[in-house]
Amino acid sequence: MKGNVTGFVQRCTRAAVCLLLPGLVGGCQSERHEELRGSLYFGAGPYLARLDLRDGSTSVVTNLGDAEIRGISPQLDERLLLTVFGSVNRQDVHRLILYDKETRQTLGLVTGRHGRYLPGTKILVYDDGGSIRVAEKIRGSWEKSVIAEHRYNASMKILPISAKRFLYAESGQPIYAFDNIAKRSIELAALSERCDLAAALWIPERGQLLCRTRRSDGLFEYPFVALDGGVRELLAVPGKRSFRPIAWLPDQDTIVLTERWRSALSDRQKHAVWVYRFDAGDHYRLLDDQHLGDSVVYEPNQAASHP
């Protein structure tokens, strides 16, 4: 099935393939680069899919039917946490479900969106539509606490940075850091001036966020910003392009970015996947016409699951 249009069409219509997974056949640029390893899980409508970073091919992992995948994040190494949107009892709602990579089974958790687990833990952080909550299942029951309230259905971003801390922000509002041990939030005013959390990526090994900002001349720049707001350096990519950092590959010293723009001829929105390799100081387009959404999960060793 992987990288094979015929195999995939046996499971869904050709129209769905073109709309949801236009990069089914890999499209690396002709210039030779050192081969990447591993894969990225991503959502495409009702499909949980996987992009093979070695050759740019994509494959379908599972089909969730009527539910649309709106977000994806890791839960330890064995599971994926999916934010899905669909009808439940004739009402359209956001739900959080777990997907087990080995058994390919799903488990419903709670009603909510933007779900994230704190790294290496089973502590769940999510948005219930009106507040940010922290939840943990103890002796079979969820114990939940409200961290912060916000406008109903406001655009929110939750970004874990350690086993006990996460960042959160409402669109256009200050960034806060919550400490799950101290049980308190702190406003990060200096960071809020330098970084838009909605398009930021946390790099644990650096202890910094890779952010996207627009300069006064209309061009973009991509600074590495510490939690105290200090700018350490800029990512050396073209400022005329609108990139979104989406994945950090720590074992390859590489960042994956997505690009979005509108075609001058058809005004159709187009997407591409880029990589920046720190070891070589090089960036290049890995895939044309491939949409990964706003969140992905990196799996270093693809052979470890889904044989």
C-alpha atoms as a PDB file:
ATOM      1  CA  MET A   1       0.000   0.000   0.000  1.00  0.00           C
ATOM      2  CA  LYS A   2       2.802   2.434   0.843  1.00  0.00           C
ATOM      3  CA  GLY A   3       3.726   4.738  -2.014  1.00  0.00           C
ATOM      4  CA  ASN A   4       1.346   2.893  -4.320  1.00  0.00           C
ATOM      5  CA  VAL A   5      -1.674   4.728  -5.699  1.00  0.00           C
ATOM      6  CA  THR A   6      -3.395   1.527  -6.816  1.00  0.00           C
ATOM      7  CA  GLY A   7      -3.278  -0.046  -3.372  1.00  0.00           C
ATOM      8  CA  PHE A   8      -4.669   3.040  -1.726  1.00  0.00           C
ATOM      9  CA  VAL A   9      -7.503   3.458  -4.235  1.00  0.00           C
ATOM     10  CA  GLN A  10      -8.706  -0.003  -3.272  1.00  0.00           C
ATOM     11  CA  ARG A  11      -9.591   1.508   0.113  1.00  0.00           C
ATOM     12  CA  CYS A  12     -11.013   4.884  -0.893  1.00  0.00           C
ATOM     13  CA  THR A  13     -12.030   6.788  -4.001  1.00  0.00           C
ATOM     14  CA  ARG A  14      -9.483   8.375  -6.317  1.00  0.00           C
ATOM     15  CA  ALA A  15     -11.067  11.768  -5.592  1.00  0.00           C
ATOM     16  CA  ALA A  16     -10.322  11.363  -1.889  1.00  0.00           C
ATOM     17  CA  VAL A  17      -6.716  10.477  -2.706  1.00  0.00           C
ATOM     18  CA  CYS A  18      -6.216  13.626  -4.740  1.00  0.00           C
ATOM     19  CA  LEU A  19      -7.855  15.833  -2.123  1.00  0.00           C
ATOM     20  CA  LEU A  20      -6.367  14.361   1.043  1.00  0.00           C
ATOM     21  CA  LEU A  21      -3.028  12.810   0.081  1.00  0.00           C
ATOM     22  CA  PRO A  22      -1.734  14.497  -3.074  1.00  0.00           C
ATOM     23  CA  GLY A  23       1.829  13.447  -2.208  1.00  0.00           C
ATOM     24  CA  LEU A  24       1.068   9.718  -2.245  1.00  0.00           C
ATOM     25  CA  VAL A  25       3.950   9.233  -4.641  1.00  0.00           C
ATOM     26  CA  GLY A  26       7.079  10.859  -3.211  1.00  0.00           C
ATOM     27  CA  GLY A  27       8.477  13.964  -4.881  1.00  0.00           C
ATOM     28  CA  CYS A  28      11.939  14.793  -3.573  1.00  0.00           C
ATOM     29  CA  GLN A  29      13.913  17.361  -5.486  1.00  0.00           C
ATOM     30  CA  SER A  30      16.498  16.140  -7.960  1.00  0.00           C
ATOM     31  CA  GLU A  31      19.422  17.597  -5.995  1.00  0.00           C
ATOM     32  CA  ARG A  32      21.057  14.876  -3.922  1.00  0.00           C
ATOM     33  CA  HIS A  33      20.851  15.146  -0.126  1.00  0.00           C
ATOM     34  CA  GLU A  34      21.663  12.718   2.632  1.00  0.00           C
ATOM     35  CA  GLU A  35      18.677  10.432   3.123  1.00  0.00           C
ATOM     36  CA  LEU A  36      16.431  11.147   6.103  1.00  0.00           C
ATOM     37  CA  ARG A  37      15.156   8.400   8.392  1.00  0.00           C
ATOM     38  CA  GLY A  38      11.878   7.703  10.168  1.00  0.00           C
ATOM     39  CA  SER A  39       8.362   8.910   9.458  1.00  0.00           C
ATOM     40  CA  LEU A  40       5.736  11.490  10.381  1.00  0.00           C
ATOM     41  CA  TYR A  41       2.181  10.616  11.415  1.00  0.00           C
ATOM     42  CA  PHE A  42      -0.404  13.184  10.303  1.00  0.00           C
ATOM     43  CA  GLY A  43      -4.143  13.574   9.861  1.00  0.00           C
ATOM     44  CA  ALA A  44      -5.884  13.984   6.502  1.00  0.00           C
ATOM     45  CA  GLY A  45      -9.653  14.223   6.934  1.00  0.00           C
ATOM     46  CA  PRO A  46     -10.765  10.892   8.454  1.00  0.00           C
ATOM     47  CA  TYR A  47      -7.435   9.227   7.620  1.00  0.00           C
ATOM     48  CA  LEU A  48      -4.510   8.761   9.967  1.00  0.00           C
ATOM     49  CA  ALA A  49      -1.587   8.677   7.553  1.00  0.00           C
ATOM     50  CA  ARG A  50       2.185   8.393   7.628  1.00  0.00           C
ATOM     51  CA  LEU A  51       4.858  10.139   5.593  1.00  0.00           C
ATOM     52  CA  ASP A  52       8.060   8.148   5.010  1.00  0.00           C
ATOM     53  CA  LEU A  53      10.907  10.638   5.285  1.00  0.00           C
ATOM     54  CA  ARG A  54      13.253   8.358   3.340  1.00  0.00           C
ATOM     55  CA  ASP A  55      11.470   8.656   0.007  1.00  0.00           C
ATOM     56  CA  GLY A  56       8.534  11.043   0.543  1.00  0.00           C
ATOM     57  CA  SER A  57       5.868   8.377   0.068  1.00  0.00           C
ATOM     58  CA  THR A  58       2.693   8.327   2.149  1.00  0.00           C
ATOM     59  CA  SER A  59       0.482   5.491   3.370  1.00  0.00           C
ATOM     60  CA  VAL A  60      -2.830   5.215   5.166  1.00  0.00           C
ATOM     61  CA  VAL A  61      -2.616   3.824   8.718  1.00  0.00           C
ATOM     62  CA  THR A  62      -6.327   3.790   9.571  1.00  0.00           C
ATOM     63  CA  ASN A  63      -9.676   5.303   8.605  1.00  0.00           C
ATOM     64  CA  LEU A  64     -11.793   6.833  11.390  1.00  0.00           C
ATOM     65  CA  GLY A  65     -14.943   6.910   9.283  1.00  0.00           C
ATOM     66  CA  ASP A  66     -17.098   9.997   9.877  1.00  0.00           C
ATOM     67  CA  ALA A  67     -14.655  11.675  12.282  1.00  0.00           C
ATOM     68  CA  GLU A  68     -12.198  14.297  10.978  1.00  0.00           C
ATOM     69  CA  ILE A  69      -8.739  14.437  12.560  1.00  0.00           C
ATOM     70  CA  ARG A  70      -8.013  17.992  13.771  1.00  0.00           C
ATOM     71  CA  GLY A  71      -4.827  17.357  15.774  1.00  0.00           C
ATOM     72  CA  ILE A  72      -2.258  14.701  16.654  1.00  0.00           C
ATOM     73  CA  SER A  73       0.318  14.338  19.435  1.00  0.00           C
ATOM     74  CA  PRO A  74       2.283  11.514  21.137  1.00  0.00           C
ATOM     75  CA  GLN A  75       1.312   9.551  24.250  1.00  0.00           C
ATOM     76  CA  LEU A  76       4.537   7.903  25.409  1.00  0.00           C
ATOM     77  CA  ASP A  77       5.946   5.763  22.537  1.00  0.00           C
ATOM     78  CA  GLU A  78       3.100   3.337  21.939  1.00  0.00           C
ATOM     79  CA  ARG A  79       0.084   5.564  21.319  1.00  0.00           C
ATOM     80  CA  LEU A  80      -1.091   8.658  19.505  1.00  0.00           C
ATOM     81  CA  LEU A  81      -3.534  11.175  20.947  1.00  0.00           C
ATOM     82  CA  LEU A  82      -5.970  12.399  18.296  1.00  0.00           C
ATOM     83  CA  THR A  83      -8.300  15.384  18.415  1.00  0.00           C
ATOM     84  CA  VAL A  84     -11.247  14.473  16.198  1.00  0.00           C
ATOM     85  CA  PHE A  85     -14.374  16.329  15.134  1.00  0.00           C
ATOM     86  CA  GLY A  86     -17.620  14.615  14.218  1.00  0.00           C
ATOM     87  CA  SER A  87     -21.180  13.785  15.124  1.00  0.00           C
ATOM     88  CA  VAL A  88     -22.019  12.207  18.487  1.00  0.00           C
ATOM     89  CA  ASN A  89     -25.710  11.786  19.320  1.00  0.00           C
ATOM     90  CA  ARG A  90     -26.528  14.115  16.399  1.00  0.00           C
ATOM     91  CA  GLN A  91     -24.251  16.871  17.692  1.00  0.00           C
ATOM     92  CA  ASP A  92     -20.909  17.874  16.168  1.00  0.00           C
ATOM     93  CA  VAL A  93     -18.277  17.837  18.905  1.00  0.00           C
ATOM     94  CA  HIS A  94     -14.516  17.645  19.421  1.00  0.00           C
ATOM     95  CA  ARG A  95     -13.289  14.492  21.146  1.00  0.00           C
ATOM     96  CA  LEU A  96      -9.959  13.114  22.271  1.00  0.00           C
ATOM     97  CA  ILE A  97      -9.171   9.505  21.419  1.00  0.00           C
ATOM     98  CA  LEU A  98      -6.096   7.299  21.810  1.00  0.00           C
ATOM     99  CA  TYR A  99      -4.784   5.232  18.924  1.00  0.00           C
ATOM    100  CA  ASP A 100      -2.603   2.222  19.761  1.00  0.00           C
ATOM    101  CA  LYS A 101       0.102   1.756  17.116  1.00  0.00           C
ATOM    102  CA  GLU A 102       0.535  -1.972  17.697  1.00  0.00           C
ATOM    103  CA  THR A 103      -3.075  -3.125  18.017  1.00  0.00           C
ATOM    104  CA  ARG A 104      -4.529  -0.336  15.802  1.00  0.00           C
ATOM    105  CA  GLN A 105      -7.375   0.041  18.280  1.00  0.00           C
ATOM    106  CA  THR A 106      -8.879   3.353  19.438  1.00  0.00           C
ATOM    107  CA  LEU A 107     -10.045   4.393  22.903  1.00  0.00           C
ATOM    108  CA  GLY A 108     -12.291   7.398  23.569  1.00  0.00           C
ATOM    109  CA  LEU A 109     -11.153   9.662  26.399  1.00  0.00           C
ATOM    110  CA  VAL A 110     -12.993  12.951  26.944  1.00  0.00           C
ATOM    111  CA  THR A 111     -14.868  15.645  25.037  1.00  0.00           C
ATOM    112  CA  GLY A 112     -12.356  18.351  24.183  1.00  0.00           C
ATOM    113  CA  ARG A 113      -9.736  19.595  21.729  1.00  0.00           C
ATOM    114  CA  HIS A 114      -6.040  20.522  21.497  1.00  0.00           C
ATOM    115  CA  GLY A 115      -5.143  17.504  23.637  1.00  0.00           C
ATOM    116  CA  ARG A 116      -1.527  17.059  24.716  1.00  0.00           C
ATOM    117  CA  TYR A 117       0.177  14.701  27.169  1.00  0.00           C
ATOM    118  CA  LEU A 118       3.053  16.052  29.229  1.00  0.00           C
ATOM    119  CA  PRO A 119       6.167  14.254  27.908  1.00  0.00           C
ATOM    120  CA  GLY A 120       6.835  10.877  29.520  1.00  0.00           C
ATOM    121  CA  THR A 121       3.668  11.010  31.640  1.00  0.00           C
ATOM    122  CA  LYS A 122      -0.022  10.108  31.505  1.00  0.00           C
ATOM    123  CA  ILE A 123      -1.052  13.636  32.490  1.00  0.00           C
ATOM    124  CA  LEU A 124      -3.433  15.046  29.885  1.00  0.00           C
ATOM    125  CA  VAL A 125      -3.841  18.745  29.090  1.00  0.00           C
ATOM    126  CA  TYR A 126      -6.721  19.857  26.881  1.00  0.00           C
ATOM    127  CA  ASP A 127      -9.229  22.593  26.059  1.00  0.00           C
ATOM    128  CA  ASP A 128     -12.905  21.866  26.787  1.00  0.00           C
ATOM    129  CA  GLY A 129     -14.059  24.841  24.721  1.00  0.00           C
ATOM    130  CA  GLY A 130     -14.199  27.289  27.603  1.00  0.00           C
ATOM    131  CA  SER A 131     -11.191  26.437  29.773  1.00  0.00           C
ATOM    132  CA  ILE A 132      -7.796  24.728  29.841  1.00  0.00           C
ATOM    133  CA  ARG A 133      -7.877  21.580  31.969  1.00  0.00           C
ATOM    134  CA  VAL A 134      -5.344  19.128  33.381  1.00  0.00           C
ATOM    135  CA  ALA A 135      -6.603  15.570  33.802  1.00  0.00           C
ATOM    136  CA  GLU A 136      -5.176  12.305  35.095  1.00  0.00           C
ATOM    137  CA  LYS A 137      -6.858   8.939  35.353  1.00  0.00           C
ATOM    138  CA  ILE A 138      -6.536   7.607  38.895  1.00  0.00           C
ATOM    139  CA  ARG A 139      -8.030   4.245  39.857  1.00  0.00           C
ATOM    140  CA  GLY A 140     -10.187   4.250  36.730  1.00  0.00           C
ATOM    141  CA  SER A 141     -11.657   7.764  37.149  1.00  0.00           C
ATOM    142  CA  TRP A 142     -10.600  11.080  35.660  1.00  0.00           C
ATOM    143  CA  GLU A 143      -9.415  13.713  38.124  1.00  0.00           C
ATOM    144  CA  LYS A 144      -9.662  17.096  36.413  1.00  0.00           C
ATOM    145  CA  SER A 145      -8.706  20.628  37.383  1.00  0.00           C
ATOM    146  CA  VAL A 146      -9.319  23.933  35.598  1.00  0.00           C
ATOM    147  CA  ILE A 147      -6.137  25.868  34.854  1.00  0.00           C
ATOM    148  CA  ALA A 148      -7.523  28.922  33.061  1.00  0.00           C
ATOM    149  CA  GLU A 149     -10.801  30.042  31.521  1.00  0.00           C
ATOM    150  CA  HIS A 150     -11.095  31.716  28.121  1.00  0.00           C
ATOM    151  CA  ARG A 151     -13.662  32.970  25.603  1.00  0.00           C
ATOM    152  CA  TYR A 152     -15.930  30.180  24.395  1.00  0.00           C
ATOM    153  CA  ASN A 153     -14.355  28.309  21.456  1.00  0.00           C
ATOM    154  CA  ALA A 154     -11.495  30.818  21.268  1.00  0.00           C
ATOM    155  CA  SER A 155      -8.460  29.793  19.220  1.00  0.00           C
ATOM    156  CA  MET A 156      -6.004  28.276  21.723  1.00  0.00           C
ATOM    157  CA  LYS A 157      -2.536  26.707  21.642  1.00  0.00           C
ATOM    158  CA  ILE A 158      -1.206  24.251  24.236  1.00  0.00           C
ATOM    159  CA  LEU A 159       2.474  23.346  24.068  1.00  0.00           C
ATOM    160  CA  PRO A 160       4.114  20.956  26.601  1.00  0.00           C
ATOM    161  CA  ILE A 161       7.759  21.742  27.345  1.00  0.00           C
ATOM    162  CA  SER A 162       8.561  19.195  30.098  1.00  0.00           C
ATOM    163  CA  ALA A 163       7.039  16.476  32.263  1.00  0.00           C
ATOM    164  CA  LYS A 164       5.654  19.144  34.595  1.00  0.00           C
ATOM    165  CA  ARG A 165       5.283  22.336  32.552  1.00  0.00           C
ATOM    166  CA  PHE A 166       3.362  23.524  29.501  1.00  0.00           C
ATOM    167  CA  LEU A 167       2.718  26.796  27.687  1.00  0.00           C
ATOM    168  CA  TYR A 168      -0.702  28.028  26.638  1.00  0.00           C
ATOM    169  CA  ALA A 169      -2.130  31.109  24.964  1.00  0.00           C
ATOM    170  CA  GLU A 170      -5.289  32.393  23.377  1.00  0.00           C
ATOM    171  CA  SER A 171      -4.781  33.829  19.905  1.00  0.00           C
ATOM    172  CA  GLY A 172      -3.481  37.397  20.184  1.00  0.00           C
ATOM    173  CA  GLN A 173      -3.118  37.160  23.972  1.00  0.00           C
ATOM    174  CA  PRO A 174      -0.074  36.736  26.277  1.00  0.00           C
ATOM    175  CA  ILE A 175       1.664  33.387  26.686  1.00  0.00           C
ATOM    176  CA  TYR A 176       1.458  31.657  30.076  1.00  0.00           C
ATOM    177  CA  ALA A 177       3.528  28.848  31.566  1.00  0.00           C
ATOM    178  CA  PHE A 178       1.789  26.437  33.951  1.00  0.00           C
ATOM    179  CA  ASP A 179       3.763  24.391  36.480  1.00  0.00           C
ATOM    180  CA  ASN A 180       1.863  21.222  37.362  1.00  0.00           C
ATOM    181  CA  ILE A 181       3.899  20.733  40.555  1.00  0.00           C
ATOM    182  CA  ALA A 182       3.459  24.255  41.917  1.00  0.00           C
ATOM    183  CA  LYS A 183      -0.078  24.388  40.426  1.00  0.00           C
ATOM    184  CA  ARG A 184       0.246  27.954  39.171  1.00  0.00           C
ATOM    185  CA  SER A 185       0.529  29.923  35.935  1.00  0.00           C
ATOM    186  CA  ILE A 186       3.044  32.676  35.183  1.00  0.00           C
ATOM    187  CA  GLU A 187       2.663  35.216  32.377  1.00  0.00           C
ATOM    188  CA  LEU A 188       5.691  35.286  30.047  1.00  0.00           C
ATOM    189  CA  ALA A 189       5.490  38.893  28.882  1.00  0.00           C
ATOM    190  CA  ALA A 190       8.882  39.098  27.175  1.00  0.00           C
ATOM    191  CA  LEU A 191       8.298  35.852  25.282  1.00  0.00           C
ATOM    192  CA  SER A 192       4.849  37.061  24.200  1.00  0.00           C
ATOM    193  CA  GLU A 193       6.436  40.096  22.534  1.00  0.00           C
ATOM    194  CA  ARG A 194       8.839  37.922  20.540  1.00  0.00           C
ATOM    195  CA  CYS A 195       6.802  34.862  19.650  1.00  0.00           C
ATOM    196  CA  ASP A 196       3.376  33.799  18.419  1.00  0.00           C
ATOM    197  CA  LEU A 197       2.727  30.488  20.159  1.00  0.00           C
ATOM    198  CA  ALA A 198       0.288  29.395  17.434  1.00  0.00           C
ATOM    199  CA  ALA A 199       3.141  28.857  14.951  1.00  0.00           C
ATOM    200  CA  ALA A 200       5.923  27.904  17.386  1.00  0.00           C
ATOM    201  CA  LEU A 201       7.840  24.648  17.869  1.00  0.00           C
ATOM    202  CA  TRP A 202       9.521  23.661  21.152  1.00  0.00           C
ATOM    203  CA  ILE A 203      13.098  22.340  20.805  1.00  0.00           C
ATOM    204  CA  PRO A 204      13.831  20.494  24.108  1.00  0.00           C
ATOM    205  CA  GLU A 205      17.576  20.111  23.496  1.00  0.00           C
ATOM    206  CA  ARG A 206      17.916  23.878  23.097  1.00  0.00           C
ATOM    207  CA  GLY A 207      15.344  24.854  25.709  1.00  0.00           C
ATOM    208  CA  GLN A 208      13.980  27.309  23.148  1.00  0.00           C
ATOM    209  CA  LEU A 209      11.033  27.923  20.853  1.00  0.00           C
ATOM    210  CA  LEU A 210      11.460  28.242  17.112  1.00  0.00           C
ATOM    211  CA  CYS A 211       9.048  31.054  16.236  1.00  0.00           C
ATOM    212  CA  ARG A 212       7.757  32.837  13.158  1.00  0.00           C
ATOM    213  CA  THR A 213       7.538  36.632  13.144  1.00  0.00           C
ATOM    214  CA  ARG A 214       6.770  39.190  10.432  1.00  0.00           C
ATOM    215  CA  ARG A 215       9.169  42.094  10.038  1.00  0.00           C
ATOM    216  CA  SER A 216       8.195  45.681   9.255  1.00  0.00           C
ATOM    217  CA  ASP A 217       9.130  45.118   5.585  1.00  0.00           C
ATOM    218  CA  GLY A 218       6.624  42.268   5.316  1.00  0.00           C
ATOM    219  CA  LEU A 219       9.210  39.472   5.232  1.00  0.00           C
ATOM    220  CA  PHE A 220       9.293  36.647   7.759  1.00  0.00           C
ATOM    221  CA  GLU A 221      12.059  35.640  10.108  1.00  0.00           C
ATOM    222  CA  TYR A 222      12.397  32.576  12.306  1.00  0.00           C
ATOM    223  CA  PRO A 223      14.116  33.259  15.629  1.00  0.00           C
ATOM    224  CA  PHE A 224      15.030  30.798  18.385  1.00  0.00           C
ATOM    225  CA  VAL A 225      13.561  32.380  21.510  1.00  0.00           C
ATOM    226  CA  ALA A 226      14.181  31.378  25.130  1.00  0.00           C
ATOM    227  CA  LEU A 227      11.384  31.445  27.687  1.00  0.00           C
ATOM    228  CA  ASP A 228      12.765  34.729  29.054  1.00  0.00           C
ATOM    229  CA  GLY A 229      12.257  36.304  25.628  1.00  0.00           C
ATOM    230  CA  GLY A 230      15.912  36.323  24.657  1.00  0.00           C
ATOM    231  CA  VAL A 231      16.621  35.735  20.951  1.00  0.00           C
ATOM    232  CA  ARG A 232      19.584  33.417  20.444  1.00  0.00           C
ATOM    233  CA  GLU A 233      19.793  33.138  16.635  1.00  0.00           C
ATOM    234  CA  LEU A 234      17.729  33.078  13.450  1.00  0.00           C
ATOM    235  CA  LEU A 235      16.991  30.050  11.305  1.00  0.00           C
ATOM    236  CA  ALA A 236      18.646  30.667   7.941  1.00  0.00           C
ATOM    237  CA  VAL A 237      15.698  30.207   5.563  1.00  0.00           C
ATOM    238  CA  PRO A 238      14.253  32.596   2.932  1.00  0.00           C
ATOM    239  CA  GLY A 239      12.221  35.390   4.519  1.00  0.00           C
ATOM    240  CA  LYS A 240       9.953  35.667   1.490  1.00  0.00           C
ATOM    241  CA  ARG A 241       8.456  32.249   2.243  1.00  0.00           C
ATOM    242  CA  SER A 242       5.883  31.604   4.971  1.00  0.00           C
ATOM    243  CA  PHE A 243       7.122  28.530   6.814  1.00  0.00           C
ATOM    244  CA  ARG A 244       5.647  26.783   9.843  1.00  0.00           C
ATOM    245  CA  PRO A 245       8.046  24.669  11.932  1.00  0.00           C
ATOM    246  CA  ILE A 246       6.184  21.435  12.574  1.00  0.00           C
ATOM    247  CA  ALA A 247       8.610  18.733  13.786  1.00  0.00           C
ATOM    248  CA  TRP A 248      11.995  18.391  15.439  1.00  0.00           C
ATOM    249  CA  LEU A 249      14.028  15.264  14.617  1.00  0.00           C
ATOM    250  CA  PRO A 250      16.529  15.136  17.496  1.00  0.00           C
ATOM    251  CA  ASP A 251      18.413  12.061  16.254  1.00  0.00           C
ATOM    252  CA  GLN A 252      19.035  13.771  12.892  1.00  0.00           C
ATOM    253  CA  ASP A 253      19.555  17.372  14.075  1.00  0.00           C
ATOM    254  CA  THR A 254      16.833  18.379  11.618  1.00  0.00           C
ATOM    255  CA  ILE A 255      13.688  20.506  11.594  1.00  0.00           C
ATOM    256  CA  VAL A 256      10.710  19.827   9.327  1.00  0.00           C
ATOM    257  CA  LEU A 257       8.755  22.862   8.126  1.00  0.00           C
ATOM    258  CA  THR A 258       5.637  23.294   6.033  1.00  0.00           C
ATOM    259  CA  GLU A 259       5.080  26.049   3.497  1.00  0.00           C
ATOM    260  CA  ARG A 260       1.740  27.450   2.366  1.00  0.00           C
ATOM    261  CA  TRP A 261       1.052  29.847  -0.471  1.00  0.00           C
ATOM    262  CA  ARG A 262      -1.516  30.618  -3.170  1.00  0.00           C
ATOM    263  CA  SER A 263      -0.928  29.825  -6.803  1.00  0.00           C
ATOM    264  CA  ALA A 264      -0.679  32.942  -8.978  1.00  0.00           C
ATOM    265  CA  LEU A 265      -2.580  31.235 -11.792  1.00  0.00           C
ATOM    266  CA  SER A 266      -5.476  29.541 -10.016  1.00  0.00           C
ATOM    267  CA  ASP A 267      -5.465  31.179  -6.566  1.00  0.00           C
ATOM    268  CA  ARG A 268      -5.464  27.628  -5.190  1.00  0.00           C
ATOM    269  CA  GLN A 269      -3.776  27.174  -1.841  1.00  0.00           C
ATOM    270  CA  LYS A 270      -0.656  25.031  -2.185  1.00  0.00           C
ATOM    271  CA  HIS A 271       1.501  23.228   0.358  1.00  0.00           C
ATOM    272  CA  ALA A 272       5.050  21.917   0.521  1.00  0.00           C
ATOM    273  CA  VAL A 273       7.294  20.178   3.044  1.00  0.00           C
ATOM    274  CA  TRP A 274      10.819  21.479   3.731  1.00  0.00           C
ATOM    275  CA  VAL A 275      13.673  20.341   5.956  1.00  0.00           C
ATOM    276  CA  TYR A 276      16.513  22.248   7.598  1.00  0.00           C
ATOM    277  CA  ARG A 277      19.591  20.201   8.537  1.00  0.00           C
ATOM    278  CA  PHE A 278      21.792  21.781  11.165  1.00  0.00           C
ATOM    279  CA  ASP A 279      24.689  19.408  10.529  1.00  0.00           C
ATOM    280  CA  ALA A 280      24.990  20.660   6.954  1.00  0.00           C
ATOM    281  CA  GLY A 281      23.511  24.152   7.456  1.00  0.00           C
ATOM    282  CA  ASP A 282      21.277  23.309   4.513  1.00  0.00           C
ATOM    283  CA  HIS A 283      17.575  23.615   3.742  1.00  0.00           C
ATOM    284  CA  TYR A 284      15.640  22.161   0.834  1.00  0.00           C
ATOM    285  CA  ARG A 285      12.142  21.274  -0.305  1.00  0.00           C
ATOM    286  CA  LEU A 286      11.410  17.620   0.419  1.00  0.00           C
ATOM    287  CA  LEU A 287       7.911  17.396  -1.081  1.00  0.00           C
ATOM    288  CA  ASP A 288       5.663  19.457  -3.331  1.00  0.00           C
ATOM    289  CA  ASP A 289       1.882  19.552  -2.993  1.00  0.00           C
ATOM    290  CA  GLN A 290       1.683  17.714   0.343  1.00  0.00           C
ATOM    291  CA  HIS A 291      -0.450  19.014   3.222  1.00  0.00           C
ATOM    292  CA  LEU A 292       0.422  17.757   6.725  1.00  0.00           C
ATOM    293  CA  GLY A 293      -1.954  19.918   8.756  1.00  0.00           C
ATOM    294  CA  ASP A 294      -0.836  21.850  11.826  1.00  0.00           C
ATOM    295  CA  SER A 295       0.560  18.960  13.891  1.00  0.00           C
ATOM    296  CA  VAL A 296       2.515  15.768  13.271  1.00  0.00           C
ATOM    297  CA  VAL A 297       4.224  13.077  15.360  1.00  0.00           C
ATOM    298  CA  TYR A 298       7.750  11.937  14.530  1.00  0.00           C
ATOM    299  CA  GLU A 299       8.610   8.243  14.752  1.00  0.00           C
ATOM    300  CA  PRO A 300      12.393   7.671  14.480  1.00  0.00           C
ATOM    301  CA  ASN A 301      12.265   3.963  13.655  1.00  0.00           C
ATOM    302  CA  GLN A 302       9.497   3.270  11.175  1.00  0.00           C
ATOM    303  CA  ALA A 303      10.237  -0.446  11.097  1.00  0.00           C
ATOM    304  CA  ALA A 304       9.287  -0.768  14.758  1.00  0.00           C
ATOM    305  CA  SER A 305       5.571  -0.623  13.990  1.00  0.00           C
ATOM    306  CA  HIS A 306       3.095  -1.349  11.212  1.00  0.00           C
ATOM    307  CA  PRO A 307       5.071  -4.041   9.389  1.00  0.00           C
END
